Amino acid sequence: MKKIVVINGHPDKLSFNSALANAYIKAAKESGAEVRYIALADLDFNPNLQFGYRQRMELEPDLLQALQTIQWGEHQVWIHPLWWLGMPALMKGFFDRAFLPGITFRKSKQGLNVGLLQNKTARIITTVGDLNLKTYKEVYGSSGLIQLKNGILEYCGITSIQSSFIGPLENFDEADRLKALNDVADLAIDDAKALPIGIVADDSIPYIG
């Protein structure tokens, strides 16, 4: 049974991101996967890494539980909106506070980075309000994707990271939204039945919409 963790980075519990998360979870479970859900909007924690790494901040119980869930999962699904070409402040704060040295990465004696979330795969689902995929890639260099995929997940040892782009949502009607929900459900079925880590790697950004 595939162990999948779905993380919703949208601060609004009633957002379309939540609908996408629910569609993914339902399809993954129906395909035989075991799924756990982390909605960052439900967590009680201070998103401000107030002292950097100079002084330790104790991890709140919700952050500890979230880290345990992330460690449990074999496959992570990060769903978030693109705001100012990056992730919401809540989601960035989650990474700042929870993805710490000794927890998700460490330095070797030679000073090289060692990711501690190895043998895990991921999928990134990004929703965008007013930006099309061509502009996102050619003008802005897929900035938000690079931050999350390369700067965080790969840095922490996660591999075979796939990504999807949904938008521009401001042009979506109900039929478009339904199609996006169905497409995400199809992604969940694929993830639940995916081959073991290291066999499949896909860096493409399919356009949904």
C-alpha atoms as a PDB file:
ATOM      1  CA  MET A   1       0.000   0.000   0.000  1.00  0.00           C
ATOM      2  CA  LYS A   2       1.453   3.338  -1.095  1.00  0.00           C
ATOM      3  CA  LYS A   3       1.798   5.885   1.717  1.00  0.00           C
ATOM      4  CA  ILE A   4       0.911   9.358   0.452  1.00  0.00           C
ATOM      5  CA  VAL A   5       0.953  12.662   2.330  1.00  0.00           C
ATOM      6  CA  VAL A   6      -1.084  15.525   0.855  1.00  0.00           C
ATOM      7  CA  ILE A   7      -0.054  18.990   2.073  1.00  0.00           C
ATOM      8  CA  ASN A   8      -2.318  21.946   1.308  1.00  0.00           C
ATOM      9  CA  GLY A   9      -0.406  25.230   1.544  1.00  0.00           C
ATOM     10  CA  HIS A  10      -3.363  27.578   1.013  1.00  0.00           C
ATOM     11  CA  PRO A  11      -4.292  29.637   4.129  1.00  0.00           C
ATOM     12  CA  ASP A  12      -7.988  29.655   3.151  1.00  0.00           C
ATOM     13  CA  LYS A  13      -9.770  26.438   4.111  1.00  0.00           C
ATOM     14  CA  LEU A  14     -12.498  27.128   1.535  1.00  0.00           C
ATOM     15  CA  SER A  15     -10.126  27.658  -1.396  1.00  0.00           C
ATOM     16  CA  PHE A  16     -10.109  25.719  -4.662  1.00  0.00           C
ATOM     17  CA  ASN A  17      -6.845  24.218  -3.421  1.00  0.00           C
ATOM     18  CA  SER A  18      -8.857  22.407  -0.737  1.00  0.00           C
ATOM     19  CA  ALA A  19     -11.211  21.038  -3.384  1.00  0.00           C
ATOM     20  CA  LEU A  20      -8.212  19.812  -5.370  1.00  0.00           C
ATOM     21  CA  ALA A  21      -6.755  18.174  -2.252  1.00  0.00           C
ATOM     22  CA  ASN A  22     -10.034  16.404  -1.538  1.00  0.00           C
ATOM     23  CA  ALA A  23     -10.282  15.171  -5.134  1.00  0.00           C
ATOM     24  CA  TYR A  24      -6.742  13.832  -4.980  1.00  0.00           C
ATOM     25  CA  ILE A  25      -7.262  12.127  -1.614  1.00  0.00           C
ATOM     26  CA  LYS A  26     -10.511  10.464  -2.672  1.00  0.00           C
ATOM     27  CA  ALA A  27      -9.028   9.043  -5.876  1.00  0.00           C
ATOM     28  CA  ALA A  28      -5.800   7.920  -4.188  1.00  0.00           C
ATOM     29  CA  LYS A  29      -7.691   6.061  -1.467  1.00  0.00           C
ATOM     30  CA  GLU A  30      -9.973   4.431  -4.018  1.00  0.00           C
ATOM     31  CA  SER A  31      -6.831   3.268  -5.830  1.00  0.00           C
ATOM     32  CA  GLY A  32      -5.553   1.512  -2.715  1.00  0.00           C
ATOM     33  CA  ALA A  33      -3.193   4.105  -1.249  1.00  0.00           C
ATOM     34  CA  GLU A  34      -3.043   5.060   2.408  1.00  0.00           C
ATOM     35  CA  VAL A  35      -3.353   8.843   2.594  1.00  0.00           C
ATOM     36  CA  ARG A  36      -2.779  11.378   5.357  1.00  0.00           C
ATOM     37  CA  TYR A  37      -3.657  15.051   4.998  1.00  0.00           C
ATOM     38  CA  ILE A  38      -1.942  18.161   6.321  1.00  0.00           C
ATOM     39  CA  ALA A  39      -3.809  21.435   5.869  1.00  0.00           C
ATOM     40  CA  LEU A  40      -1.385  24.148   6.930  1.00  0.00           C
ATOM     41  CA  ALA A  41      -4.329  26.451   7.663  1.00  0.00           C
ATOM     42  CA  ASP A  42      -5.346  24.077  10.474  1.00  0.00           C
ATOM     43  CA  LEU A  43      -1.963  24.082  12.189  1.00  0.00           C
ATOM     44  CA  ASP A  44      -1.215  26.238  15.225  1.00  0.00           C
ATOM     45  CA  PHE A  45       2.367  27.509  14.956  1.00  0.00           C
ATOM     46  CA  ASN A  46       4.403  30.686  14.656  1.00  0.00           C
ATOM     47  CA  PRO A  47       5.527  30.891  10.999  1.00  0.00           C
ATOM     48  CA  ASN A  48       8.294  33.373  11.830  1.00  0.00           C
ATOM     49  CA  LEU A  49      11.762  31.867  12.318  1.00  0.00           C
ATOM     50  CA  GLN A  50      12.497  34.753  14.648  1.00  0.00           C
ATOM     51  CA  PHE A  51      16.169  34.113  15.402  1.00  0.00           C
ATOM     52  CA  GLY A  52      17.236  32.303  12.247  1.00  0.00           C
ATOM     53  CA  TYR A  53      19.543  29.477  13.294  1.00  0.00           C
ATOM     54  CA  ARG A  54      21.203  31.569  16.036  1.00  0.00           C
ATOM     55  CA  GLN A  55      18.722  30.594  18.721  1.00  0.00           C
ATOM     56  CA  ARG A  56      16.484  27.558  18.881  1.00  0.00           C
ATOM     57  CA  MET A  57      12.698  27.882  18.797  1.00  0.00           C
ATOM     58  CA  GLU A  58      10.834  24.894  20.231  1.00  0.00           C
ATOM     59  CA  LEU A  59       8.641  23.156  17.694  1.00  0.00           C
ATOM     60  CA  GLU A  60       4.927  23.407  18.440  1.00  0.00           C
ATOM     61  CA  PRO A  61       2.985  20.103  18.735  1.00  0.00           C
ATOM     62  CA  ASP A  62       1.335  20.649  15.341  1.00  0.00           C
ATOM     63  CA  LEU A  63       4.722  21.028  13.659  1.00  0.00           C
ATOM     64  CA  LEU A  64       6.024  17.890  15.347  1.00  0.00           C
ATOM     65  CA  GLN A  65       2.973  15.954  14.197  1.00  0.00           C
ATOM     66  CA  ALA A  66       3.317  17.288  10.658  1.00  0.00           C
ATOM     67  CA  LEU A  67       6.973  16.259  10.530  1.00  0.00           C
ATOM     68  CA  GLN A  68       6.083  12.772  11.736  1.00  0.00           C
ATOM     69  CA  THR A  69       3.501  12.521   8.989  1.00  0.00           C
ATOM     70  CA  ILE A  70       5.969  13.708   6.348  1.00  0.00           C
ATOM     71  CA  GLN A  71       8.523  11.161   7.566  1.00  0.00           C
ATOM     72  CA  TRP A  72       5.833   8.463   7.400  1.00  0.00           C
ATOM     73  CA  GLY A  73       4.911   9.153   3.777  1.00  0.00           C
ATOM     74  CA  GLU A  74       6.614   7.655   0.766  1.00  0.00           C
ATOM     75  CA  HIS A  75       5.136  10.225  -1.608  1.00  0.00           C
ATOM     76  CA  GLN A  76       4.349  13.896  -0.920  1.00  0.00           C
ATOM     77  CA  VAL A  77       1.808  16.023  -2.768  1.00  0.00           C
ATOM     78  CA  TRP A  78       2.219  19.767  -2.263  1.00  0.00           C
ATOM     79  CA  ILE A  79      -0.773  21.840  -3.383  1.00  0.00           C
ATOM     80  CA  HIS A  80      -0.447  25.610  -3.243  1.00  0.00           C
ATOM     81  CA  PRO A  81      -1.347  28.862  -5.021  1.00  0.00           C
ATOM     82  CA  LEU A  82       1.270  30.999  -6.712  1.00  0.00           C
ATOM     83  CA  TRP A  83       1.315  34.423  -5.038  1.00  0.00           C
ATOM     84  CA  TRP A  84       3.893  37.001  -6.122  1.00  0.00           C
ATOM     85  CA  LEU A  85       5.658  34.211  -8.036  1.00  0.00           C
ATOM     86  CA  GLY A  86       6.098  32.137  -4.881  1.00  0.00           C
ATOM     87  CA  MET A  87       4.279  30.249  -2.177  1.00  0.00           C
ATOM     88  CA  PRO A  88       2.006  31.861   0.464  1.00  0.00           C
ATOM     89  CA  ALA A  89       3.672  33.209   3.604  1.00  0.00           C
ATOM     90  CA  LEU A  90       2.073  30.458   5.708  1.00  0.00           C
ATOM     91  CA  MET A  91       3.660  27.756   3.592  1.00  0.00           C
ATOM     92  CA  LYS A  92       7.064  29.465   3.536  1.00  0.00           C
ATOM     93  CA  GLY A  93       6.816  29.841   7.309  1.00  0.00           C
ATOM     94  CA  PHE A  94       6.113  26.130   7.636  1.00  0.00           C
ATOM     95  CA  PHE A  95       9.323  25.312   5.794  1.00  0.00           C
ATOM     96  CA  ASP A  96      11.292  27.909   7.769  1.00  0.00           C
ATOM     97  CA  ARG A  97      10.125  26.504  11.095  1.00  0.00           C
ATOM     98  CA  ALA A  98       9.921  22.767  10.406  1.00  0.00           C
ATOM     99  CA  PHE A  99      12.524  21.933   7.746  1.00  0.00           C
ATOM    100  CA  LEU A 100      15.496  22.498  10.014  1.00  0.00           C
ATOM    101  CA  PRO A 101      19.104  21.257  10.145  1.00  0.00           C
ATOM    102  CA  GLY A 102      19.181  17.793  11.668  1.00  0.00           C
ATOM    103  CA  ILE A 103      15.518  17.205  10.752  1.00  0.00           C
ATOM    104  CA  THR A 104      15.310  17.392   6.960  1.00  0.00           C
ATOM    105  CA  PHE A 105      18.960  18.050   6.058  1.00  0.00           C
ATOM    106  CA  ARG A 106      22.441  18.170   7.577  1.00  0.00           C
ATOM    107  CA  LYS A 107      25.973  19.053   6.634  1.00  0.00           C
ATOM    108  CA  SER A 108      28.588  16.342   6.165  1.00  0.00           C
ATOM    109  CA  LYS A 109      32.070  16.576   7.670  1.00  0.00           C
ATOM    110  CA  GLN A 110      33.181  17.834   4.263  1.00  0.00           C
ATOM    111  CA  GLY A 111      30.622  20.639   4.412  1.00  0.00           C
ATOM    112  CA  LEU A 112      28.345  19.109   1.791  1.00  0.00           C
ATOM    113  CA  ASN A 113      24.580  19.055   2.125  1.00  0.00           C
ATOM    114  CA  VAL A 114      22.928  15.728   2.947  1.00  0.00           C
ATOM    115  CA  GLY A 115      19.160  15.482   2.512  1.00  0.00           C
ATOM    116  CA  LEU A 116      17.426  13.482   5.233  1.00  0.00           C
ATOM    117  CA  LEU A 117      14.139  12.888   3.389  1.00  0.00           C
ATOM    118  CA  GLN A 118      15.612  10.295   1.071  1.00  0.00           C
ATOM    119  CA  ASN A 119      13.714   7.458  -0.627  1.00  0.00           C
ATOM    120  CA  LYS A 120      10.711   9.740  -1.028  1.00  0.00           C
ATOM    121  CA  THR A 121       9.038  11.149  -4.129  1.00  0.00           C
ATOM    122  CA  ALA A 122       6.838  14.200  -4.594  1.00  0.00           C
ATOM    123  CA  ARG A 123       4.323  15.966  -6.763  1.00  0.00           C
ATOM    124  CA  ILE A 124       3.775  19.728  -6.848  1.00  0.00           C
ATOM    125  CA  ILE A 125       0.386  21.079  -7.922  1.00  0.00           C
ATOM    126  CA  THR A 126       0.447  24.850  -8.402  1.00  0.00           C
ATOM    127  CA  THR A 127      -2.650  26.968  -8.975  1.00  0.00           C
ATOM    128  CA  VAL A 128      -2.360  30.387 -10.588  1.00  0.00           C
ATOM    129  CA  GLY A 129      -4.921  33.181 -10.757  1.00  0.00           C
ATOM    130  CA  ASP A 130      -3.888  35.350 -13.697  1.00  0.00           C
ATOM    131  CA  LEU A 131      -0.746  33.850 -15.230  1.00  0.00           C
ATOM    132  CA  ASN A 132      -0.475  31.359 -18.080  1.00  0.00           C
ATOM    133  CA  LEU A 133       2.080  28.584 -18.253  1.00  0.00           C
ATOM    134  CA  LYS A 134       4.033  30.077 -21.171  1.00  0.00           C
ATOM    135  CA  THR A 135       4.618  33.368 -19.350  1.00  0.00           C
ATOM    136  CA  TYR A 136       5.411  31.583 -16.093  1.00  0.00           C
ATOM    137  CA  LYS A 137       8.122  29.509 -17.767  1.00  0.00           C
ATOM    138  CA  GLU A 138       9.567  31.919 -20.334  1.00  0.00           C
ATOM    139  CA  VAL A 139       9.320  35.254 -18.530  1.00  0.00           C
ATOM    140  CA  TYR A 140       9.597  34.254 -14.871  1.00  0.00           C
ATOM    141  CA  GLY A 141      11.610  31.056 -15.200  1.00  0.00           C
ATOM    142  CA  SER A 142       9.127  28.933 -13.231  1.00  0.00           C
ATOM    143  CA  SER A 143      10.407  30.757 -10.140  1.00  0.00           C
ATOM    144  CA  GLY A 144       7.990  29.312  -7.611  1.00  0.00           C
ATOM    145  CA  LEU A 145       8.566  25.785  -8.874  1.00  0.00           C
ATOM    146  CA  ILE A 146      12.330  26.174  -8.683  1.00  0.00           C
ATOM    147  CA  GLN A 147      12.099  27.439  -5.110  1.00  0.00           C
ATOM    148  CA  LEU A 148       9.990  24.506  -3.936  1.00  0.00           C
ATOM    149  CA  LYS A 149      11.351  21.713  -6.138  1.00  0.00           C
ATOM    150  CA  ASN A 150      15.057  22.496  -6.267  1.00  0.00           C
ATOM    151  CA  GLY A 151      15.576  24.812  -3.328  1.00  0.00           C
ATOM    152  CA  ILE A 152      13.628  22.831  -0.742  1.00  0.00           C
ATOM    153  CA  LEU A 153      12.470  19.322  -1.670  1.00  0.00           C
ATOM    154  CA  GLU A 154      15.504  18.170  -3.664  1.00  0.00           C
ATOM    155  CA  TYR A 155      17.794  19.866  -1.142  1.00  0.00           C
ATOM    156  CA  CYS A 156      16.197  17.684   1.523  1.00  0.00           C
ATOM    157  CA  GLY A 157      16.753  14.474  -0.455  1.00  0.00           C
ATOM    158  CA  ILE A 158      13.423  14.018  -2.252  1.00  0.00           C
ATOM    159  CA  THR A 159      13.642  12.763  -5.840  1.00  0.00           C
ATOM    160  CA  SER A 160      11.404  12.037  -8.845  1.00  0.00           C
ATOM    161  CA  ILE A 161       9.471  15.272  -8.358  1.00  0.00           C
ATOM    162  CA  GLN A 162       6.665  15.845 -10.833  1.00  0.00           C
ATOM    163  CA  SER A 163       4.712  19.059 -11.227  1.00  0.00           C
ATOM    164  CA  SER A 164       1.429  20.375 -12.594  1.00  0.00           C
ATOM    165  CA  PHE A 165       0.220  23.911 -13.314  1.00  0.00           C
ATOM    166  CA  ILE A 166      -3.480  24.785 -13.015  1.00  0.00           C
ATOM    167  CA  GLY A 167      -4.653  28.114 -14.342  1.00  0.00           C
ATOM    168  CA  PRO A 168      -5.226  30.901 -14.970  1.00  0.00           C
ATOM    169  CA  LEU A 169      -8.110  30.361 -12.563  1.00  0.00           C
ATOM    170  CA  GLU A 170      -9.592  33.798 -13.186  1.00  0.00           C
ATOM    171  CA  ASN A 171     -10.586  32.523 -16.643  1.00  0.00           C
ATOM    172  CA  PHE A 172     -12.025  29.225 -15.408  1.00  0.00           C
ATOM    173  CA  ASP A 173     -15.725  28.475 -15.551  1.00  0.00           C
ATOM    174  CA  GLU A 174     -17.408  25.573 -13.750  1.00  0.00           C
ATOM    175  CA  ALA A 175     -16.549  23.173 -16.552  1.00  0.00           C
ATOM    176  CA  ASP A 176     -12.877  24.130 -16.329  1.00  0.00           C
ATOM    177  CA  ARG A 177     -12.863  23.635 -12.576  1.00  0.00           C
ATOM    178  CA  LEU A 178     -14.511  20.250 -12.894  1.00  0.00           C
ATOM    179  CA  LYS A 179     -11.939  19.232 -15.483  1.00  0.00           C
ATOM    180  CA  ALA A 180      -9.116  20.309 -13.169  1.00  0.00           C
ATOM    181  CA  LEU A 181     -10.597  18.253 -10.323  1.00  0.00           C
ATOM    182  CA  ASN A 182     -10.873  15.220 -12.593  1.00  0.00           C
ATOM    183  CA  ASP A 183      -7.340  15.703 -13.891  1.00  0.00           C
ATOM    184  CA  VAL A 184      -5.980  15.855 -10.345  1.00  0.00           C
ATOM    185  CA  ALA A 185      -7.908  12.683  -9.506  1.00  0.00           C
ATOM    186  CA  ASP A 186      -6.179  11.027 -12.479  1.00  0.00           C
ATOM    187  CA  LEU A 187      -2.808  12.157 -11.115  1.00  0.00           C
ATOM    188  CA  ALA A 188      -3.693  10.553  -7.785  1.00  0.00           C
ATOM    189  CA  ILE A 189      -4.462   7.256  -9.503  1.00  0.00           C
ATOM    190  CA  ASP A 190      -1.118   7.409 -11.298  1.00  0.00           C
ATOM    191  CA  ASP A 191       0.710   8.177  -8.038  1.00  0.00           C
ATOM    192  CA  ALA A 192      -1.000   5.366  -6.151  1.00  0.00           C
ATOM    193  CA  LYS A 193       0.129   2.890  -8.806  1.00  0.00           C
ATOM    194  CA  ALA A 194       3.545   4.398  -9.514  1.00  0.00           C
ATOM    195  CA  LEU A 195       6.644   2.253  -9.856  1.00  0.00           C
ATOM    196  CA  PRO A 196       9.218   2.275  -7.023  1.00  0.00           C
ATOM    197  CA  ILE A 197      11.467   5.270  -6.523  1.00  0.00           C
ATOM    198  CA  GLY A 198      14.244   5.706  -9.043  1.00  0.00           C
ATOM    199  CA  ILE A 199      12.414   4.099 -11.957  1.00  0.00           C
ATOM    200  CA  VAL A 200      10.249   7.008 -13.048  1.00  0.00           C
ATOM    201  CA  ALA A 201      11.359  10.653 -13.117  1.00  0.00           C
ATOM    202  CA  ASP A 202       9.395  13.437 -14.806  1.00  0.00           C
ATOM    203  CA  ASP A 203      10.317  17.100 -14.638  1.00  0.00           C
ATOM    204  CA  SER A 204       7.636  18.279 -17.065  1.00  0.00           C
ATOM    205  CA  ILE A 205       4.993  20.842 -16.199  1.00  0.00           C
ATOM    206  CA  PRO A 206       1.711  19.737 -17.782  1.00  0.00           C
ATOM    207  CA  TYR A 207      -0.888  22.457 -18.266  1.00  0.00           C
ATOM    208  CA  ILE A 208      -4.276  21.726 -16.752  1.00  0.00           C
ATOM    209  CA  GLY A 209      -7.010  23.990 -17.937  1.00  0.00           C
END
